[in-house]
Structure formats: structure tokens, C-alpha cells
Amino acid sequence: MKHAREDYNRIQDPAGLIPDEEPVMVFRGQDIAAPAALRAYAVAAAAAGASDQLVLSVLKHARAMEEWQRLVARKTPDLATTIQR
């Protein structure tokens, strides 16, 4: 699994379902751009024929991220690992 950020290499796939060279992207709840990215993904997934269940799950996650940002922390996307409160 190839992460976009080196510090995310500790995130593993214990079941071995993701090939070593497959690119993977992780969006954290604190990332202020993440909810919009998830909503765009939901639209693209729906257009590609994804199930309503998947689309609704992604949209629910976007709302959960916004709630996290409101209650806990949010930050501008960057390559650092610190949180702005």
C-alpha cells in the first residue's frame, strides 16, 4: 500500500487485501478539505454506478468529519502532523 504521506506508512492492511504498490489516500477528520472531497467522491461514485448504500455512507462520513472539526480540531491540509485548535 503506497500512501501519499510517508508518516501514514504505519497504517497497514493486516488482511493483505491491498497490493503493496496500490496508491492509497487517507483523509483525516481534522482536514478542512476532507468533507468536500468526500462529497465529490460520493457524486463520482454514484455516477459510476455505486450503490446508494455506499454513497450514503460516504456522505454520512463527511458530516461526521464536519462535526469532528466543530467539536475537536481542524486544520488546513499540509504535509505536517500537528493539529491547529
PDB file of N, CA and C in Angstrom:
ATOM      1  N   MET A   1       0.854  -1.158   0.000  1.00  0.00           N
ATOM      2  CA  MET A   1       0.000   0.000   0.000  1.00  0.00           C
ATOM      3  C   MET A   1       0.904   1.227   0.000  1.00  0.00           C
ATOM      4  N   LYS A   2       0.728   2.094  -0.973  1.00  0.00           N
ATOM      5  CA  LYS A   2       1.543   3.305  -1.080  1.00  0.00           C
ATOM      6  C   LYS A   2       0.724   4.509  -0.627  1.00  0.00           C
ATOM      7  N   HIS A   3       1.133   5.118   0.462  1.00  0.00           N
ATOM      8  CA  HIS A   3       0.445   6.303   0.979  1.00  0.00           C
ATOM      9  C   HIS A   3       1.019   7.567   0.362  1.00  0.00           C
ATOM     10  N   ALA A   4       0.193   8.596   0.297  1.00  0.00           N
ATOM     11  CA  ALA A   4       0.646   9.880  -0.226  1.00  0.00           C
ATOM     12  C   ALA A   4       1.582  10.574   0.762  1.00  0.00           C
ATOM     13  N   ARG A   5       1.485  10.233   2.032  1.00  0.00           N
ATOM     14  CA  ARG A   5       2.332  10.820   3.076  1.00  0.00           C
ATOM     15  C   ARG A   5       3.155   9.719   3.721  1.00  0.00           C
ATOM     16  N   GLU A   6       4.451   9.966   3.863  1.00  0.00           N
ATOM     17  CA  GLU A   6       5.347   8.983   4.477  1.00  0.00           C
ATOM     18  C   GLU A   6       4.934   8.635   5.913  1.00  0.00           C
ATOM     19  N   ASP A   7       4.446   9.636   6.678  1.00  0.00           N
ATOM     20  CA  ASP A   7       4.094   9.369   8.072  1.00  0.00           C
ATOM     21  C   ASP A   7       2.849   8.490   8.202  1.00  0.00           C
ATOM     22  N   TYR A   8       2.150   8.233   7.106  1.00  0.00           N
ATOM     23  CA  TYR A   8       0.998   7.337   7.138  1.00  0.00           C
ATOM     24  C   TYR A   8       1.377   5.902   6.783  1.00  0.00           C
ATOM     25  N   ASN A   9       2.646   5.654   6.517  1.00  0.00           N
ATOM     26  CA  ASN A   9       3.079   4.291   6.177  1.00  0.00           C
ATOM     27  C   ASN A   9       2.824   3.302   7.314  1.00  0.00           C
ATOM     28  N   ARG A  10       2.624   3.812   8.522  1.00  0.00           N
ATOM     29  CA  ARG A  10       2.342   2.919   9.649  1.00  0.00           C
ATOM     30  C   ARG A  10       0.925   2.346   9.567  1.00  0.00           C
ATOM     31  N   ILE A  11       0.078   2.928   8.727  1.00  0.00           N
ATOM     32  CA  ILE A  11      -1.270   2.398   8.522  1.00  0.00           C
ATOM     33  C   ILE A  11      -1.137   1.178   7.621  1.00  0.00           C
ATOM     34  N   GLN A  12      -1.556   0.048   8.118  1.00  0.00           N
ATOM     35  CA  GLN A  12      -1.327  -1.220   7.433  1.00  0.00           C
ATOM     36  C   GLN A  12      -2.635  -1.888   7.017  1.00  0.00           C
ATOM     37  N   ASP A  13      -2.504  -2.907   6.216  1.00  0.00           N
ATOM     38  CA  ASP A  13      -3.612  -3.731   5.749  1.00  0.00           C
ATOM     39  C   ASP A  13      -3.348  -5.168   6.203  1.00  0.00           C
ATOM     40  N   PRO A  14      -3.680  -5.497   7.477  1.00  0.00           N
ATOM     41  CA  PRO A  14      -3.339  -6.812   8.011  1.00  0.00           C
ATOM     42  C   PRO A  14      -3.919  -7.978   7.219  1.00  0.00           C
ATOM     43  N   ALA A  15      -5.038  -7.778   6.544  1.00  0.00           N
ATOM     44  CA  ALA A  15      -5.634  -8.868   5.764  1.00  0.00           C
ATOM     45  C   ALA A  15      -4.959  -9.036   4.409  1.00  0.00           C
ATOM     46  N   GLY A  16      -4.100  -8.091   4.039  1.00  0.00           N
ATOM     47  CA  GLY A  16      -3.384  -8.181   2.775  1.00  0.00           C
ATOM     48  C   GLY A  16      -4.267  -8.027   1.549  1.00  0.00           C
ATOM     49  N   LEU A  17      -5.334  -7.244   1.653  1.00  0.00           N
ATOM     50  CA  LEU A  17      -6.261  -7.068   0.534  1.00  0.00           C
ATOM     51  C   LEU A  17      -5.813  -5.988  -0.446  1.00  0.00           C
ATOM     52  N   ILE A  18      -4.908  -5.104  -0.015  1.00  0.00           N
ATOM     53  CA  ILE A  18      -4.434  -4.015  -0.863  1.00  0.00           C
ATOM     54  C   ILE A  18      -3.013  -4.351  -1.321  1.00  0.00           C
ATOM     55  N   PRO A  19      -2.784  -4.432  -2.632  1.00  0.00           N
ATOM     56  CA  PRO A  19      -1.435  -4.734  -3.122  1.00  0.00           C
ATOM     57  C   PRO A  19      -0.416  -3.693  -2.659  1.00  0.00           C
ATOM     58  N   ASP A  20       0.829  -4.119  -2.484  1.00  0.00           N
ATOM     59  CA  ASP A  20       1.896  -3.248  -1.994  1.00  0.00           C
ATOM     60  C   ASP A  20       2.056  -1.967  -2.794  1.00  0.00           C
ATOM     61  N   GLU A  21       1.894  -2.018  -4.089  1.00  0.00           N
ATOM     62  CA  GLU A  21       2.137  -0.848  -4.938  1.00  0.00           C
ATOM     63  C   GLU A  21       0.878  -0.041  -5.251  1.00  0.00           C
ATOM     64  N   GLU A  22      -0.270  -0.436  -4.688  1.00  0.00           N
ATOM     65  CA  GLU A  22      -1.504   0.306  -4.968  1.00  0.00           C
ATOM     66  C   GLU A  22      -1.521   1.609  -4.179  1.00  0.00           C
ATOM     67  N   PRO A  23      -1.712   2.751  -4.863  1.00  0.00           N
ATOM     68  CA  PRO A  23      -1.791   4.032  -4.158  1.00  0.00           C
ATOM     69  C   PRO A  23      -3.040   4.086  -3.266  1.00  0.00           C
ATOM     70  N   VAL A  24      -2.871   4.631  -2.067  1.00  0.00           N
ATOM     71  CA  VAL A  24      -3.954   4.772  -1.096  1.00  0.00           C
ATOM     72  C   VAL A  24      -3.908   6.192  -0.555  1.00  0.00           C
ATOM     73  N   MET A  25      -5.067   6.793  -0.341  1.00  0.00           N
ATOM     74  CA  MET A  25      -5.138   8.140   0.215  1.00  0.00           C
ATOM     75  C   MET A  25      -5.976   8.101   1.482  1.00  0.00           C
ATOM     76  N   VAL A  26      -5.498   8.733   2.545  1.00  0.00           N
ATOM     77  CA  VAL A  26      -6.215   8.796   3.811  1.00  0.00           C
ATOM     78  C   VAL A  26      -6.609  10.250   4.069  1.00  0.00           C
ATOM     79  N   PHE A  27      -7.885  10.479   4.316  1.00  0.00           N
ATOM     80  CA  PHE A  27      -8.357  11.807   4.714  1.00  0.00           C
ATOM     81  C   PHE A  27      -8.676  11.769   6.196  1.00  0.00           C
ATOM     82  N   ARG A  28      -8.089  12.687   6.949  1.00  0.00           N
ATOM     83  CA  ARG A  28      -8.358  12.741   8.384  1.00  0.00           C
ATOM     84  C   ARG A  28      -9.522  13.683   8.670  1.00  0.00           C
ATOM     85  N   GLY A  29     -10.195  13.415   9.786  1.00  0.00           N
ATOM     86  CA  GLY A  29     -11.335  14.225  10.171  1.00  0.00           C
ATOM     87  C   GLY A  29     -10.996  15.680  10.397  1.00  0.00           C
ATOM     88  N   GLN A  30      -9.777  15.981  10.780  1.00  0.00           N
ATOM     89  CA  GLN A  30      -9.373  17.359  11.052  1.00  0.00           C
ATOM     90  C   GLN A  30      -9.109  18.170   9.773  1.00  0.00           C
ATOM     91  N   ASP A  31      -8.983  17.515   8.637  1.00  0.00           N
ATOM     92  CA  ASP A  31      -8.649  18.172   7.366  1.00  0.00           C
ATOM     93  C   ASP A  31      -9.858  18.949   6.860  1.00  0.00           C
ATOM     94  N   ILE A  32      -9.751  20.280   6.786  1.00  0.00           N
ATOM     95  CA  ILE A  32     -10.919  21.091   6.404  1.00  0.00           C
ATOM     96  C   ILE A  32     -11.383  20.829   4.970  1.00  0.00           C
ATOM     97  N   ALA A  33     -10.532  20.256   4.137  1.00  0.00           N
ATOM     98  CA  ALA A  33     -10.921  19.950   2.761  1.00  0.00           C
ATOM     99  C   ALA A  33     -11.563  18.570   2.627  1.00  0.00           C
ATOM    100  N   ALA A  34     -11.446  17.737   3.639  1.00  0.00           N
ATOM    101  CA  ALA A  34     -11.902  16.352   3.539  1.00  0.00           C
ATOM    102  C   ALA A  34     -13.405  16.198   3.289  1.00  0.00           C
ATOM    103  N   PRO A  35     -14.282  16.911   4.009  1.00  0.00           N
ATOM    104  CA  PRO A  35     -15.711  16.718   3.743  1.00  0.00           C
ATOM    105  C   PRO A  35     -16.094  17.024   2.289  1.00  0.00           C
ATOM    106  N   ALA A  36     -15.533  18.089   1.728  1.00  0.00           N
ATOM    107  CA  ALA A  36     -15.827  18.420   0.326  1.00  0.00           C
ATOM    108  C   ALA A  36     -15.288  17.346  -0.606  1.00  0.00           C
ATOM    109  N   ALA A  37     -14.112  16.818  -0.288  1.00  0.00           N
ATOM    110  CA  ALA A  37     -13.533  15.745  -1.110  1.00  0.00           C
ATOM    111  C   ALA A  37     -14.427  14.512  -1.069  1.00  0.00           C
ATOM    112  N   LEU A  38     -14.939  14.182   0.111  1.00  0.00           N
ATOM    113  CA  LEU A  38     -15.825  13.022   0.223  1.00  0.00           C
ATOM    114  C   LEU A  38     -17.129  13.236  -0.531  1.00  0.00           C
ATOM    115  N   ARG A  39     -17.656  14.445  -0.476  1.00  0.00           N
ATOM    116  CA  ARG A  39     -18.902  14.720  -1.212  1.00  0.00           C
ATOM    117  C   ARG A  39     -18.676  14.596  -2.723  1.00  0.00           C
ATOM    118  N   ALA A  40     -17.546  15.105  -3.198  1.00  0.00           N
ATOM    119  CA  ALA A  40     -17.224  14.975  -4.626  1.00  0.00           C
ATOM    120  C   ALA A  40     -17.076  13.501  -4.990  1.00  0.00           C
ATOM    121  N   TYR A  41     -16.449  12.726  -4.108  1.00  0.00           N
ATOM    122  CA  TYR A  41     -16.299  11.288  -4.340  1.00  0.00           C
ATOM    123  C   TYR A  41     -17.668  10.612  -4.397  1.00  0.00           C
ATOM    124  N   ALA A  42     -18.577  10.996  -3.505  1.00  0.00           N
ATOM    125  CA  ALA A  42     -19.914  10.396  -3.491  1.00  0.00           C
ATOM    126  C   ALA A  42     -20.632  10.644  -4.814  1.00  0.00           C
ATOM    127  N   VAL A  43     -20.513  11.848  -5.346  1.00  0.00           N
ATOM    128  CA  VAL A  43     -21.135  12.170  -6.636  1.00  0.00           C
ATOM    129  C   VAL A  43     -20.518  11.327  -7.750  1.00  0.00           C
ATOM    130  N   ALA A  44     -19.175  11.255  -7.762  1.00  0.00           N
ATOM    131  CA  ALA A  44     -18.485  10.467  -8.794  1.00  0.00           C
ATOM    132  C   ALA A  44     -18.812   8.983  -8.658  1.00  0.00           C
ATOM    133  N   ALA A  45     -18.874   8.496  -7.443  1.00  0.00           N
ATOM    134  CA  ALA A  45     -19.194   7.082  -7.222  1.00  0.00           C
ATOM    135  C   ALA A  45     -20.610   6.770  -7.689  1.00  0.00           C
ATOM    136  N   ALA A  46     -21.560   7.664  -7.382  1.00  0.00           N
ATOM    137  CA  ALA A  46     -22.943   7.465  -7.824  1.00  0.00           C
ATOM    138  C   ALA A  46     -23.017   7.449  -9.351  1.00  0.00           C
ATOM    139  N   ALA A  47     -22.300   8.362  -9.995  1.00  0.00           N
ATOM    140  CA  ALA A  47     -22.293   8.414 -11.465  1.00  0.00           C
ATOM    141  C   ALA A  47     -21.673   7.159 -12.067  1.00  0.00           C
ATOM    142  N   ALA A  48     -20.757   6.540 -11.334  1.00  0.00           N
ATOM    143  CA  ALA A  48     -20.104   5.316 -11.816  1.00  0.00           C
ATOM    144  C   ALA A  48     -20.928   4.066 -11.522  1.00  0.00           C
ATOM    145  N   GLY A  49     -22.061   4.246 -10.830  1.00  0.00           N
ATOM    146  CA  GLY A  49     -22.936   3.102 -10.565  1.00  0.00           C
ATOM    147  C   GLY A  49     -22.813   2.501  -9.183  1.00  0.00           C
ATOM    148  N   ALA A  50     -22.130   3.193  -8.251  1.00  0.00           N
ATOM    149  CA  ALA A  50     -22.012   2.682  -6.881  1.00  0.00           C
ATOM    150  C   ALA A  50     -23.392   2.591  -6.236  1.00  0.00           C
ATOM    151  N   SER A  51     -23.494   1.726  -5.258  1.00  0.00           N
ATOM    152  CA  SER A  51     -24.776   1.531  -4.579  1.00  0.00           C
ATOM    153  C   SER A  51     -25.166   2.768  -3.772  1.00  0.00           C
ATOM    154  N   ASP A  52     -26.454   2.935  -3.584  1.00  0.00           N
ATOM    155  CA  ASP A  52     -26.938   4.027  -2.735  1.00  0.00           C
ATOM    156  C   ASP A  52     -26.374   3.895  -1.328  1.00  0.00           C
ATOM    157  N   GLN A  53     -26.215   2.670  -0.858  1.00  0.00           N
ATOM    158  CA  GLN A  53     -25.683   2.436   0.486  1.00  0.00           C
ATOM    159  C   GLN A  53     -24.265   3.002   0.604  1.00  0.00           C
ATOM    160  N   LEU A  54     -23.426   2.773  -0.400  1.00  0.00           N
ATOM    161  CA  LEU A  54     -22.069   3.314  -0.364  1.00  0.00           C
ATOM    162  C   LEU A  54     -22.095   4.834  -0.385  1.00  0.00           C
ATOM    163  N   VAL A  55     -22.884   5.406  -1.286  1.00  0.00           N
ATOM    164  CA  VAL A  55     -22.959   6.863  -1.406  1.00  0.00           C
ATOM    165  C   VAL A  55     -23.433   7.486  -0.103  1.00  0.00           C
ATOM    166  N   LEU A  56     -24.472   6.938   0.493  1.00  0.00           N
ATOM    167  CA  LEU A  56     -24.979   7.473   1.760  1.00  0.00           C
ATOM    168  C   LEU A  56     -23.957   7.323   2.881  1.00  0.00           C
ATOM    169  N   SER A  57     -23.222   6.230   2.884  1.00  0.00           N
ATOM    170  CA  SER A  57     -22.179   6.023   3.892  1.00  0.00           C
ATOM    171  C   SER A  57     -21.082   7.080   3.771  1.00  0.00           C
ATOM    172  N   VAL A  58     -20.669   7.384   2.554  1.00  0.00           N
ATOM    173  CA  VAL A  58     -19.643   8.403   2.334  1.00  0.00           C
ATOM    174  C   VAL A  58     -20.159   9.772   2.781  1.00  0.00           C
ATOM    175  N   LEU A  59     -21.389  10.100   2.447  1.00  0.00           N
ATOM    176  CA  LEU A  59     -21.957  11.393   2.851  1.00  0.00           C
ATOM    177  C   LEU A  59     -22.090  11.489   4.372  1.00  0.00           C
ATOM    178  N   LYS A  60     -22.447  10.391   5.016  1.00  0.00           N
ATOM    179  CA  LYS A  60     -22.535  10.361   6.477  1.00  0.00           C
ATOM    180  C   LYS A  60     -21.154  10.621   7.085  1.00  0.00           C
ATOM    181  N   HIS A  61     -20.132  10.044   6.480  1.00  0.00           N
ATOM    182  CA  HIS A  61     -18.762  10.250   6.970  1.00  0.00           C
ATOM    183  C   HIS A  61     -18.349  11.714   6.810  1.00  0.00           C
ATOM    184  N   ALA A  62     -18.744  12.347   5.712  1.00  0.00           N
ATOM    185  CA  ALA A  62     -18.439  13.768   5.507  1.00  0.00           C
ATOM    186  C   ALA A  62     -19.068  14.607   6.619  1.00  0.00           C
ATOM    187  N   ARG A  63     -20.305  14.306   6.971  1.00  0.00           N
ATOM    188  CA  ARG A  63     -20.966  15.035   8.063  1.00  0.00           C
ATOM    189  C   ARG A  63     -20.270  14.783   9.402  1.00  0.00           C
ATOM    190  N   ALA A  64     -19.843  13.539   9.627  1.00  0.00           N
ATOM    191  CA  ALA A  64     -19.123  13.219  10.868  1.00  0.00           C
ATOM    192  C   ALA A  64     -17.807  13.995  10.946  1.00  0.00           C
ATOM    193  N   MET A  65     -17.125  14.152   9.825  1.00  0.00           N
ATOM    194  CA  MET A  65     -15.888  14.932   9.811  1.00  0.00           C
ATOM    195  C   MET A  65     -16.153  16.389  10.153  1.00  0.00           C
ATOM    196  N   GLU A  66     -17.224  16.947   9.617  1.00  0.00           N
ATOM    197  CA  GLU A  66     -17.565  18.342   9.938  1.00  0.00           C
ATOM    198  C   GLU A  66     -17.875  18.497  11.427  1.00  0.00           C
ATOM    199  N   GLU A  67     -18.546  17.525  11.996  1.00  0.00           N
ATOM    200  CA  GLU A  67     -18.838  17.567  13.432  1.00  0.00           C
ATOM    201  C   GLU A  67     -17.541  17.470  14.238  1.00  0.00           C
ATOM    202  N   TRP A  68     -16.636  16.612  13.831  1.00  0.00           N
ATOM    203  CA  TRP A  68     -15.329  16.488  14.488  1.00  0.00           C
ATOM    204  C   TRP A  68     -14.618  17.838  14.464  1.00  0.00           C
ATOM    205  N   GLN A  69     -14.619  18.469  13.308  1.00  0.00           N
ATOM    206  CA  GLN A  69     -13.950  19.764  13.174  1.00  0.00           C
ATOM    207  C   GLN A  69     -14.581  20.812  14.083  1.00  0.00           C
ATOM    208  N   ARG A  70     -15.899  20.777  14.188  1.00  0.00           N
ATOM    209  CA  ARG A  70     -16.595  21.750  15.031  1.00  0.00           C
ATOM    210  C   ARG A  70     -16.281  21.528  16.508  1.00  0.00           C
ATOM    211  N   LEU A  71     -16.189  20.274  16.927  1.00  0.00           N
ATOM    212  CA  LEU A  71     -16.018  19.950  18.342  1.00  0.00           C
ATOM    213  C   LEU A  71     -14.574  19.738  18.787  1.00  0.00           C
ATOM    214  N   VAL A  72     -13.702  19.246  17.909  1.00  0.00           N
ATOM    215  CA  VAL A  72     -12.371  18.818  18.330  1.00  0.00           C
ATOM    216  C   VAL A  72     -11.265  19.649  17.702  1.00  0.00           C
ATOM    217  N   ALA A  73     -11.050  19.506  16.426  1.00  0.00           N
ATOM    218  CA  ALA A  73      -9.928  20.186  15.781  1.00  0.00           C
ATOM    219  C   ALA A  73     -10.105  20.211  14.280  1.00  0.00           C
ATOM    220  N   ARG A  74      -9.511  21.225  13.671  1.00  0.00           N
ATOM    221  CA  ARG A  74      -9.485  21.318  12.222  1.00  0.00           C
ATOM    222  C   ARG A  74      -8.190  21.967  11.800  1.00  0.00           C
ATOM    223  N   LYS A  75      -7.744  21.643  10.605  1.00  0.00           N
ATOM    224  CA  LYS A  75      -6.518  22.255  10.100  1.00  0.00           C
ATOM    225  C   LYS A  75      -6.525  22.284   8.586  1.00  0.00           C
ATOM    226  N   THR A  76      -5.745  23.207   8.065  1.00  0.00           N
ATOM    227  CA  THR A  76      -5.551  23.306   6.624  1.00  0.00           C
ATOM    228  C   THR A  76      -4.714  22.117   6.164  1.00  0.00           C
ATOM    229  N   PRO A  77      -5.029  21.528   5.029  1.00  0.00           N
ATOM    230  CA  PRO A  77      -4.236  20.402   4.547  1.00  0.00           C
ATOM    231  C   PRO A  77      -2.767  20.801   4.333  1.00  0.00           C
ATOM    232  N   ASP A  78      -1.874  19.964   4.779  1.00  0.00           N
ATOM    233  CA  ASP A  78      -0.447  20.176   4.574  1.00  0.00           C
ATOM    234  C   ASP A  78       0.258  18.840   4.752  1.00  0.00           C
ATOM    235  N   LEU A  79       1.553  18.866   4.776  1.00  0.00           N
ATOM    236  CA  LEU A  79       2.317  17.636   4.973  1.00  0.00           C
ATOM    237  C   LEU A  79       2.829  17.473   6.389  1.00  0.00           C
ATOM    238  N   ALA A  80       2.391  18.351   7.298  1.00  0.00           N
ATOM    239  CA  ALA A  80       2.808  18.275   8.709  1.00  0.00           C
ATOM    240  C   ALA A  80       1.841  17.392   9.475  1.00  0.00           C
ATOM    241  N   THR A  81       2.217  17.073  10.705  1.00  0.00           N
ATOM    242  CA  THR A  81       1.376  16.195  11.529  1.00  0.00           C
ATOM    243  C   THR A  81       0.784  16.901  12.746  1.00  0.00           C
ATOM    244  N   THR A  82       1.003  18.200  12.889  1.00  0.00           N
ATOM    245  CA  THR A  82       0.483  18.914  14.058  1.00  0.00           C
ATOM    246  C   THR A  82      -0.958  19.353  13.818  1.00  0.00           C
ATOM    247  N   ILE A  83      -1.696  19.566  14.900  1.00  0.00           N
ATOM    248  CA  ILE A  83      -3.093  19.986  14.825  1.00  0.00           C
ATOM    249  C   ILE A  83      -3.217  21.444  15.252  1.00  0.00           C
ATOM    250  N   GLN A  84      -4.060  22.202  14.558  1.00  0.00           N
ATOM    251  CA  GLN A  84      -4.405  23.565  14.985  1.00  0.00           C
ATOM    252  C   GLN A  84      -5.721  23.487  15.727  1.00  0.00           C
ATOM    253  N   ARG A  85      -5.804  24.067  16.893  1.00  0.00           N
ATOM    254  CA  ARG A  85      -7.071  24.060  17.648  1.00  0.00           C
ATOM    255  C   ARG A  85      -7.645  25.442  17.731  1.00  0.00           C
TER     256      ARG A  85
END
